[in-house]
Amino acid sequence: FIAAAGTGKTSILVQRLVRLVADEGISPESILCVTFTRAAADEMEKRALKALKARGMAAKDLKSLRIVTFHGLGHQMLREKLQCKPQELNQRLVSGEPRQWLAEDILRPWRSDRTRGMNWEVEIQDVLRAVDRAKEAMVKPEQSMTFFRSEMGIQGELAERYQEFFVRYEQTKQKEKLYDLSDLIYVPLLLLESSPKFRKTWQERYHYLQVDETQDTNPSQYKLIQYLAAPQHNVVV
């Protein structure tokens, strides 16, 4: 119960941020604060800016301060890699009904093909949820059947079909240059793993990392922080 709700965890992170900038002279652009919801990030930023301005800091000197959600961080990493503006990437993100329509276009011919020996009368949301879970665990499409069986409890040939869908789904998005919300973590992580240049750029950018609500991280978000914190591992959670 030491870190129960209302005990001041976020306040401590804000106070530390203020001390780093106002007392230690650390540049705001070398500090990254990550939390889970946009509302929480906005509240933390509001409190930090108010405290820093009270310490005599000018607003123009604090513009580079980064207090973001995990998906906001991934959005920045992905759009810098793609060299596009925020709105351009937003136009390529599929979620909600457009994402379901994309999935339905893949499943429709399979449902009518009885020679496949598999009843594909499954809920679109169930298939997409399984794909998201696999991507959160950093499982690649071609290797996902074991994950679907062991971690999702999807039995028999249905797990093979889920893998087949996952492969086709990613191929379709890649062909149409589309991304879904899970890609905002999944793709930057793949780049951090595979590209030394990309990894070096991001590991040199932030020297002080702070993460709020860390207990809510999934494996891919946790791994993202591990990559960004290396090699100094100067991170407070």
C-alpha atoms as a PDB file:
ATOM      1  CA  PHE A   1       0.000   0.000   0.000  1.00  0.00           C
ATOM      2  CA  ILE A   2       3.026   2.306   0.028  1.00  0.00           C
ATOM      3  CA  ALA A   3       2.237   3.519  -3.500  1.00  0.00           C
ATOM      4  CA  ALA A   4      -1.557   3.374  -3.330  1.00  0.00           C
ATOM      5  CA  ALA A   5      -3.749   5.862  -5.180  1.00  0.00           C
ATOM      6  CA  GLY A   6      -3.482   9.401  -3.846  1.00  0.00           C
ATOM      7  CA  THR A   7      -0.149   8.954  -2.070  1.00  0.00           C
ATOM      8  CA  GLY A   8       1.634  11.439  -4.326  1.00  0.00           C
ATOM      9  CA  LYS A   9       3.475   9.383  -6.938  1.00  0.00           C
ATOM     10  CA  THR A  10       2.727  11.835  -9.727  1.00  0.00           C
ATOM     11  CA  SER A  11       3.526  14.800  -7.467  1.00  0.00           C
ATOM     12  CA  ILE A  12       6.961  13.329  -6.778  1.00  0.00           C
ATOM     13  CA  LEU A  13       7.644  12.979 -10.516  1.00  0.00           C
ATOM     14  CA  VAL A  14       6.555  16.575 -11.123  1.00  0.00           C
ATOM     15  CA  GLN A  15       8.732  17.818  -8.237  1.00  0.00           C
ATOM     16  CA  ARG A  16      11.709  15.873  -9.586  1.00  0.00           C
ATOM     17  CA  LEU A  17      11.153  17.332 -13.057  1.00  0.00           C
ATOM     18  CA  VAL A  18      11.031  20.857 -11.641  1.00  0.00           C
ATOM     19  CA  ARG A  19      14.191  20.268  -9.611  1.00  0.00           C
ATOM     20  CA  LEU A  20      16.091  18.891 -12.625  1.00  0.00           C
ATOM     21  CA  VAL A  21      15.267  21.956 -14.729  1.00  0.00           C
ATOM     22  CA  ALA A  22      15.205  24.763 -12.156  1.00  0.00           C
ATOM     23  CA  ASP A  23      17.919  23.581  -9.733  1.00  0.00           C
ATOM     24  CA  GLU A  24      20.193  21.315 -11.763  1.00  0.00           C
ATOM     25  CA  GLY A  25      20.016  23.289 -15.000  1.00  0.00           C
ATOM     26  CA  ILE A  26      19.044  20.260 -17.091  1.00  0.00           C
ATOM     27  CA  SER A  27      17.717  21.180 -20.524  1.00  0.00           C
ATOM     28  CA  PRO A  28      13.965  20.414 -20.819  1.00  0.00           C
ATOM     29  CA  GLU A  29      14.535  18.803 -24.228  1.00  0.00           C
ATOM     30  CA  SER A  30      16.653  16.052 -22.638  1.00  0.00           C
ATOM     31  CA  ILE A  31      13.829  15.002 -20.282  1.00  0.00           C
ATOM     32  CA  LEU A  32      11.021  12.635 -21.304  1.00  0.00           C
ATOM     33  CA  CYS A  33       7.953  11.985 -19.145  1.00  0.00           C
ATOM     34  CA  VAL A  34       5.547   9.235 -20.210  1.00  0.00           C
ATOM     35  CA  THR A  35       2.137   8.328 -18.829  1.00  0.00           C
ATOM     36  CA  PHE A  36      -0.940   6.502 -20.116  1.00  0.00           C
ATOM     37  CA  THR A  37      -3.784   8.881 -20.866  1.00  0.00           C
ATOM     38  CA  ARG A  38      -3.815  12.216 -22.649  1.00  0.00           C
ATOM     39  CA  ALA A  39      -5.634  13.730 -19.677  1.00  0.00           C
ATOM     40  CA  ALA A  40      -2.934  12.524 -17.257  1.00  0.00           C
ATOM     41  CA  ALA A  41      -0.167  13.849 -19.516  1.00  0.00           C
ATOM     42  CA  ASP A  42      -1.904  17.219 -19.856  1.00  0.00           C
ATOM     43  CA  GLU A  43      -2.365  17.464 -16.066  1.00  0.00           C
ATOM     44  CA  MET A  44       1.285  16.610 -15.392  1.00  0.00           C
ATOM     45  CA  GLU A  45       2.429  19.163 -17.969  1.00  0.00           C
ATOM     46  CA  LYS A  46       0.132  21.840 -16.507  1.00  0.00           C
ATOM     47  CA  ARG A  47       1.475  21.284 -12.984  1.00  0.00           C
ATOM     48  CA  ALA A  48       5.105  21.193 -14.124  1.00  0.00           C
ATOM     49  CA  LEU A  49       4.845  24.363 -16.216  1.00  0.00           C
ATOM     50  CA  LYS A  50       3.075  26.227 -13.406  1.00  0.00           C
ATOM     51  CA  ALA A  51       5.807  25.254 -10.915  1.00  0.00           C
ATOM     52  CA  LEU A  52       8.626  26.093 -13.329  1.00  0.00           C
ATOM     53  CA  LYS A  53       7.155  29.485 -14.218  1.00  0.00           C
ATOM     54  CA  ALA A  54       6.857  30.183 -10.486  1.00  0.00           C
ATOM     55  CA  ARG A  55      10.604  29.526 -10.319  1.00  0.00           C
ATOM     56  CA  GLY A  56      11.222  32.224 -12.920  1.00  0.00           C
ATOM     57  CA  MET A  57      11.417  30.063 -16.061  1.00  0.00           C
ATOM     58  CA  ALA A  58      10.129  31.656 -19.265  1.00  0.00           C
ATOM     59  CA  ALA A  59       7.440  29.862 -21.276  1.00  0.00           C
ATOM     60  CA  LYS A  60       9.575  29.968 -24.445  1.00  0.00           C
ATOM     61  CA  ASP A  61      12.344  28.050 -22.655  1.00  0.00           C
ATOM     62  CA  LEU A  62       9.960  25.214 -21.767  1.00  0.00           C
ATOM     63  CA  LYS A  63       8.486  24.504 -25.206  1.00  0.00           C
ATOM     64  CA  SER A  64      10.778  21.506 -25.706  1.00  0.00           C
ATOM     65  CA  LEU A  65       9.547  19.733 -22.562  1.00  0.00           C
ATOM     66  CA  ARG A  66       8.066  16.342 -23.507  1.00  0.00           C
ATOM     67  CA  ILE A  67       5.238  14.941 -21.359  1.00  0.00           C
ATOM     68  CA  VAL A  68       3.400  12.417 -23.511  1.00  0.00           C
ATOM     69  CA  THR A  69       1.451   9.164 -23.622  1.00  0.00           C
ATOM     70  CA  PHE A  70       3.091   5.975 -24.875  1.00  0.00           C
ATOM     71  CA  HIS A  71       1.116   6.246 -28.097  1.00  0.00           C
ATOM     72  CA  GLY A  72       2.033   9.924 -28.429  1.00  0.00           C
ATOM     73  CA  LEU A  73       5.701   8.985 -28.120  1.00  0.00           C
ATOM     74  CA  GLY A  74       5.307   6.194 -30.677  1.00  0.00           C
ATOM     75  CA  HIS A  75       3.475   8.588 -32.998  1.00  0.00           C
ATOM     76  CA  GLN A  76       6.457  10.955 -32.907  1.00  0.00           C
ATOM     77  CA  MET A  77       8.958   8.150 -33.473  1.00  0.00           C
ATOM     78  CA  LEU A  78       7.014   6.751 -36.419  1.00  0.00           C
ATOM     79  CA  ARG A  79       6.336  10.048 -38.155  1.00  0.00           C
ATOM     80  CA  GLU A  80       9.985  11.093 -37.846  1.00  0.00           C
ATOM     81  CA  LYS A  81      10.966   7.817 -39.491  1.00  0.00           C
ATOM     82  CA  LEU A  82       8.378   8.351 -42.243  1.00  0.00           C
ATOM     83  CA  GLN A  83       9.321  12.045 -42.493  1.00  0.00           C
ATOM     84  CA  CYS A  84       5.717  13.166 -42.386  1.00  0.00           C
ATOM     85  CA  LYS A  85       3.660  15.700 -40.444  1.00  0.00           C
ATOM     86  CA  PRO A  86       1.389  14.615 -37.552  1.00  0.00           C
ATOM     87  CA  GLN A  87      -1.781  15.065 -39.589  1.00  0.00           C
ATOM     88  CA  GLU A  88      -0.340  13.067 -42.495  1.00  0.00           C
ATOM     89  CA  LEU A  89       0.308  10.113 -40.188  1.00  0.00           C
ATOM     90  CA  ASN A  90      -3.150  10.492 -38.624  1.00  0.00           C
ATOM     91  CA  GLN A  91      -4.677  10.105 -42.076  1.00  0.00           C
ATOM     92  CA  ARG A  92      -2.858   6.777 -42.446  1.00  0.00           C
ATOM     93  CA  LEU A  93      -3.985   5.409 -39.070  1.00  0.00           C
ATOM     94  CA  VAL A  94      -6.931   2.995 -39.190  1.00  0.00           C
ATOM     95  CA  SER A  95      -9.073   2.388 -36.124  1.00  0.00           C
ATOM     96  CA  GLY A  96     -12.692   1.743 -35.249  1.00  0.00           C
ATOM     97  CA  GLU A  97     -15.000   0.959 -38.162  1.00  0.00           C
ATOM     98  CA  PRO A  98     -12.455   1.551 -40.982  1.00  0.00           C
ATOM     99  CA  ARG A  99     -10.182  -1.022 -39.373  1.00  0.00           C
ATOM    100  CA  GLN A 100     -13.072  -3.488 -39.086  1.00  0.00           C
ATOM    101  CA  TRP A 101     -13.916  -2.962 -42.753  1.00  0.00           C
ATOM    102  CA  LEU A 102     -10.297  -3.666 -43.669  1.00  0.00           C
ATOM    103  CA  ALA A 103     -10.420  -6.898 -41.664  1.00  0.00           C
ATOM    104  CA  GLU A 104     -13.790  -7.856 -43.161  1.00  0.00           C
ATOM    105  CA  ASP A 105     -12.384  -7.478 -46.680  1.00  0.00           C
ATOM    106  CA  ILE A 106      -9.772 -10.092 -45.777  1.00  0.00           C
ATOM    107  CA  LEU A 107     -12.191 -12.494 -44.087  1.00  0.00           C
ATOM    108  CA  ARG A 108     -15.093 -12.278 -46.538  1.00  0.00           C
ATOM    109  CA  PRO A 109     -13.686 -14.645 -49.221  1.00  0.00           C
ATOM    110  CA  TRP A 110     -12.544 -17.103 -46.559  1.00  0.00           C
ATOM    111  CA  ARG A 111     -16.020 -17.325 -45.068  1.00  0.00           C
ATOM    112  CA  SER A 112     -17.499 -18.342 -48.404  1.00  0.00           C
ATOM    113  CA  ASP A 113     -14.754 -20.845 -49.258  1.00  0.00           C
ATOM    114  CA  ARG A 114     -15.886 -24.111 -47.659  1.00  0.00           C
ATOM    115  CA  THR A 115     -12.948 -25.992 -49.181  1.00  0.00           C
ATOM    116  CA  ARG A 116     -10.781 -24.405 -46.521  1.00  0.00           C
ATOM    117  CA  GLY A 117     -12.329 -26.768 -43.985  1.00  0.00           C
ATOM    118  CA  MET A 118     -12.768 -24.068 -41.373  1.00  0.00           C
ATOM    119  CA  ASN A 119     -15.798 -22.192 -40.142  1.00  0.00           C
ATOM    120  CA  TRP A 120     -14.753 -18.546 -40.176  1.00  0.00           C
ATOM    121  CA  GLU A 121     -17.897 -17.274 -38.497  1.00  0.00           C
ATOM    122  CA  VAL A 122     -15.849 -15.404 -35.910  1.00  0.00           C
ATOM    123  CA  GLU A 123     -16.262 -11.901 -34.553  1.00  0.00           C
ATOM    124  CA  ILE A 124     -14.050  -9.353 -36.289  1.00  0.00           C
ATOM    125  CA  GLN A 125     -13.303  -7.747 -32.931  1.00  0.00           C
ATOM    126  CA  ASP A 126     -12.058 -11.082 -31.529  1.00  0.00           C
ATOM    127  CA  VAL A 127      -9.597 -11.520 -34.383  1.00  0.00           C
ATOM    128  CA  LEU A 128      -8.328  -7.947 -34.179  1.00  0.00           C
ATOM    129  CA  ARG A 129      -8.021  -8.180 -30.390  1.00  0.00           C
ATOM    130  CA  ALA A 130      -5.872 -11.295 -30.791  1.00  0.00           C
ATOM    131  CA  VAL A 131      -3.671  -9.501 -33.334  1.00  0.00           C
ATOM    132  CA  ASP A 132      -3.221  -6.561 -30.965  1.00  0.00           C
ATOM    133  CA  ARG A 133      -2.268  -8.910 -28.132  1.00  0.00           C
ATOM    134  CA  ALA A 134       0.326 -10.588 -30.336  1.00  0.00           C
ATOM    135  CA  LYS A 135       1.819  -7.243 -31.341  1.00  0.00           C
ATOM    136  CA  GLU A 136       1.934  -6.095 -27.721  1.00  0.00           C
ATOM    137  CA  ALA A 137       4.008  -9.215 -27.034  1.00  0.00           C
ATOM    138  CA  MET A 138       6.199  -8.379 -30.071  1.00  0.00           C
ATOM    139  CA  VAL A 139       5.203 -11.595 -31.854  1.00  0.00           C
ATOM    140  CA  LYS A 140       5.773 -11.490 -35.613  1.00  0.00           C
ATOM    141  CA  PRO A 141       2.876 -12.569 -37.882  1.00  0.00           C
ATOM    142  CA  GLU A 142       4.653 -15.615 -39.306  1.00  0.00           C
ATOM    143  CA  GLN A 143       5.416 -16.916 -35.805  1.00  0.00           C
ATOM    144  CA  SER A 144       2.089 -16.154 -34.122  1.00  0.00           C
ATOM    145  CA  MET A 145       0.283 -19.514 -34.198  1.00  0.00           C
ATOM    146  CA  THR A 146       1.980 -20.783 -31.026  1.00  0.00           C
ATOM    147  CA  PHE A 147       1.147 -17.507 -29.273  1.00  0.00           C
ATOM    148  CA  PHE A 148      -2.518 -17.734 -30.249  1.00  0.00           C
ATOM    149  CA  ARG A 149      -2.694 -21.279 -28.919  1.00  0.00           C
ATOM    150  CA  SER A 150      -0.706 -20.902 -25.700  1.00  0.00           C
ATOM    151  CA  GLU A 151      -1.519 -17.337 -24.684  1.00  0.00           C
ATOM    152  CA  MET A 152      -4.974 -16.802 -26.197  1.00  0.00           C
ATOM    153  CA  GLY A 153      -6.365 -20.333 -25.840  1.00  0.00           C
ATOM    154  CA  ILE A 154      -7.337 -20.544 -29.521  1.00  0.00           C
ATOM    155  CA  GLN A 155      -7.461 -24.210 -30.376  1.00  0.00           C
ATOM    156  CA  GLY A 156      -6.739 -26.432 -33.377  1.00  0.00           C
ATOM    157  CA  GLU A 157      -6.842 -25.148 -36.917  1.00  0.00           C
ATOM    158  CA  LEU A 158      -8.441 -21.917 -35.809  1.00  0.00           C
ATOM    159  CA  ALA A 159      -5.062 -20.779 -34.471  1.00  0.00           C
ATOM    160  CA  GLU A 160      -3.591 -21.423 -37.918  1.00  0.00           C
ATOM    161  CA  ARG A 161      -6.319 -19.275 -39.467  1.00  0.00           C
ATOM    162  CA  TYR A 162      -5.668 -16.500 -36.973  1.00  0.00           C
ATOM    163  CA  GLN A 163      -2.018 -16.556 -38.010  1.00  0.00           C
ATOM    164  CA  GLU A 164      -3.010 -16.545 -41.670  1.00  0.00           C
ATOM    165  CA  PHE A 165      -5.226 -13.520 -41.030  1.00  0.00           C
ATOM    166  CA  PHE A 166      -2.453 -11.744 -39.102  1.00  0.00           C
ATOM    167  CA  VAL A 167      -0.037 -12.238 -42.008  1.00  0.00           C
ATOM    168  CA  ARG A 168      -2.561 -11.031 -44.590  1.00  0.00           C
ATOM    169  CA  TYR A 169      -3.655  -8.115 -42.415  1.00  0.00           C
ATOM    170  CA  GLU A 170      -0.093  -6.803 -42.049  1.00  0.00           C
ATOM    171  CA  GLN A 171       0.601  -7.323 -45.759  1.00  0.00           C
ATOM    172  CA  THR A 172      -2.547  -5.388 -46.663  1.00  0.00           C
ATOM    173  CA  LYS A 173      -1.655  -2.472 -44.397  1.00  0.00           C
ATOM    174  CA  GLN A 174       1.882  -2.381 -45.720  1.00  0.00           C
ATOM    175  CA  LYS A 175       0.657  -2.395 -49.327  1.00  0.00           C
ATOM    176  CA  GLU A 176      -1.786   0.455 -48.652  1.00  0.00           C
ATOM    177  CA  LYS A 177       0.718   2.292 -46.380  1.00  0.00           C
ATOM    178  CA  LEU A 178      -1.642   2.129 -43.407  1.00  0.00           C
ATOM    179  CA  TYR A 179      -0.988   1.715 -39.689  1.00  0.00           C
ATOM    180  CA  ASP A 180      -3.146   0.812 -36.701  1.00  0.00           C
ATOM    181  CA  LEU A 181      -2.835   2.055 -33.132  1.00  0.00           C
ATOM    182  CA  SER A 182      -0.764  -0.919 -31.983  1.00  0.00           C
ATOM    183  CA  ASP A 183       1.758  -0.058 -34.713  1.00  0.00           C
ATOM    184  CA  LEU A 184       2.593   3.131 -32.802  1.00  0.00           C
ATOM    185  CA  ILE A 185       4.529   0.936 -30.367  1.00  0.00           C
ATOM    186  CA  TYR A 186       5.131  -2.157 -32.502  1.00  0.00           C
ATOM    187  CA  VAL A 187       6.834  -0.443 -35.459  1.00  0.00           C
ATOM    188  CA  PRO A 188       9.149   1.850 -33.438  1.00  0.00           C
ATOM    189  CA  LEU A 189      10.211  -1.176 -31.378  1.00  0.00           C
ATOM    190  CA  LEU A 190      10.998  -3.168 -34.507  1.00  0.00           C
ATOM    191  CA  LEU A 191      13.057  -0.214 -35.743  1.00  0.00           C
ATOM    192  CA  LEU A 192      14.905   0.072 -32.424  1.00  0.00           C
ATOM    193  CA  GLU A 193      15.756  -3.621 -32.664  1.00  0.00           C
ATOM    194  CA  SER A 194      16.787  -3.653 -36.317  1.00  0.00           C
ATOM    195  CA  SER A 195      18.277  -0.222 -37.061  1.00  0.00           C
ATOM    196  CA  PRO A 196      21.447   0.847 -35.190  1.00  0.00           C
ATOM    197  CA  LYS A 197      21.076   4.384 -36.605  1.00  0.00           C
ATOM    198  CA  PHE A 198      17.473   4.736 -35.416  1.00  0.00           C
ATOM    199  CA  ARG A 199      18.385   3.249 -32.033  1.00  0.00           C
ATOM    200  CA  LYS A 200      21.371   5.584 -31.573  1.00  0.00           C
ATOM    201  CA  THR A 201      19.309   8.647 -32.500  1.00  0.00           C
ATOM    202  CA  TRP A 202      16.656   7.935 -29.914  1.00  0.00           C
ATOM    203  CA  GLN A 203      18.961   6.716 -27.161  1.00  0.00           C
ATOM    204  CA  GLU A 204      20.934   9.963 -27.401  1.00  0.00           C
ATOM    205  CA  ARG A 205      17.868  12.208 -27.364  1.00  0.00           C
ATOM    206  CA  TYR A 206      16.608  11.831 -23.778  1.00  0.00           C
ATOM    207  CA  HIS A 207      18.960  11.553 -20.804  1.00  0.00           C
ATOM    208  CA  TYR A 208      16.290  11.611 -18.077  1.00  0.00           C
ATOM    209  CA  LEU A 209      13.210   9.391 -18.336  1.00  0.00           C
ATOM    210  CA  GLN A 210      10.197   9.377 -16.021  1.00  0.00           C
ATOM    211  CA  VAL A 211       7.256   6.978 -16.329  1.00  0.00           C
ATOM    212  CA  ASP A 212       4.013   7.329 -14.388  1.00  0.00           C
ATOM    213  CA  GLU A 213       1.484   4.506 -13.839  1.00  0.00           C
ATOM    214  CA  THR A 214       4.170   1.970 -14.725  1.00  0.00           C
ATOM    215  CA  GLN A 215       2.083  -0.928 -13.434  1.00  0.00           C
ATOM    216  CA  ASP A 216      -0.163  -0.527 -16.498  1.00  0.00           C
ATOM    217  CA  THR A 217       2.596  -1.078 -19.053  1.00  0.00           C
ATOM    218  CA  ASN A 218       2.320  -4.034 -21.397  1.00  0.00           C
ATOM    219  CA  PRO A 219       5.468  -5.914 -22.517  1.00  0.00           C
ATOM    220  CA  SER A 220       6.063  -3.797 -25.623  1.00  0.00           C
ATOM    221  CA  GLN A 221       5.703  -0.480 -23.780  1.00  0.00           C
ATOM    222  CA  TYR A 222       8.070  -1.678 -21.064  1.00  0.00           C
ATOM    223  CA  LYS A 223      10.572  -2.759 -23.708  1.00  0.00           C
ATOM    224  CA  LEU A 224      10.303   0.612 -25.437  1.00  0.00           C
ATOM    225  CA  ILE A 225      11.332   2.375 -22.221  1.00  0.00           C
ATOM    226  CA  GLN A 226      14.216  -0.077 -21.753  1.00  0.00           C
ATOM    227  CA  TYR A 227      15.537   0.790 -25.212  1.00  0.00           C
ATOM    228  CA  LEU A 228      15.198   4.547 -24.734  1.00  0.00           C
ATOM    229  CA  ALA A 229      16.825   4.424 -21.295  1.00  0.00           C
ATOM    230  CA  ALA A 230      19.909   2.576 -22.542  1.00  0.00           C
ATOM    231  CA  PRO A 231      22.802   2.790 -22.078  1.00  0.00           C
ATOM    232  CA  GLN A 232      22.666   5.105 -19.023  1.00  0.00           C
ATOM    233  CA  HIS A 233      19.403   3.608 -17.669  1.00  0.00           C
ATOM    234  CA  ASN A 234      18.619   6.927 -16.013  1.00  0.00           C
ATOM    235  CA  VAL A 235      14.932   6.233 -15.531  1.00  0.00           C
ATOM    236  CA  VAL A 236      12.511   6.795 -12.647  1.00  0.00           C
ATOM    237  CA  VAL A 237       9.209   4.935 -12.664  1.00  0.00           C
END
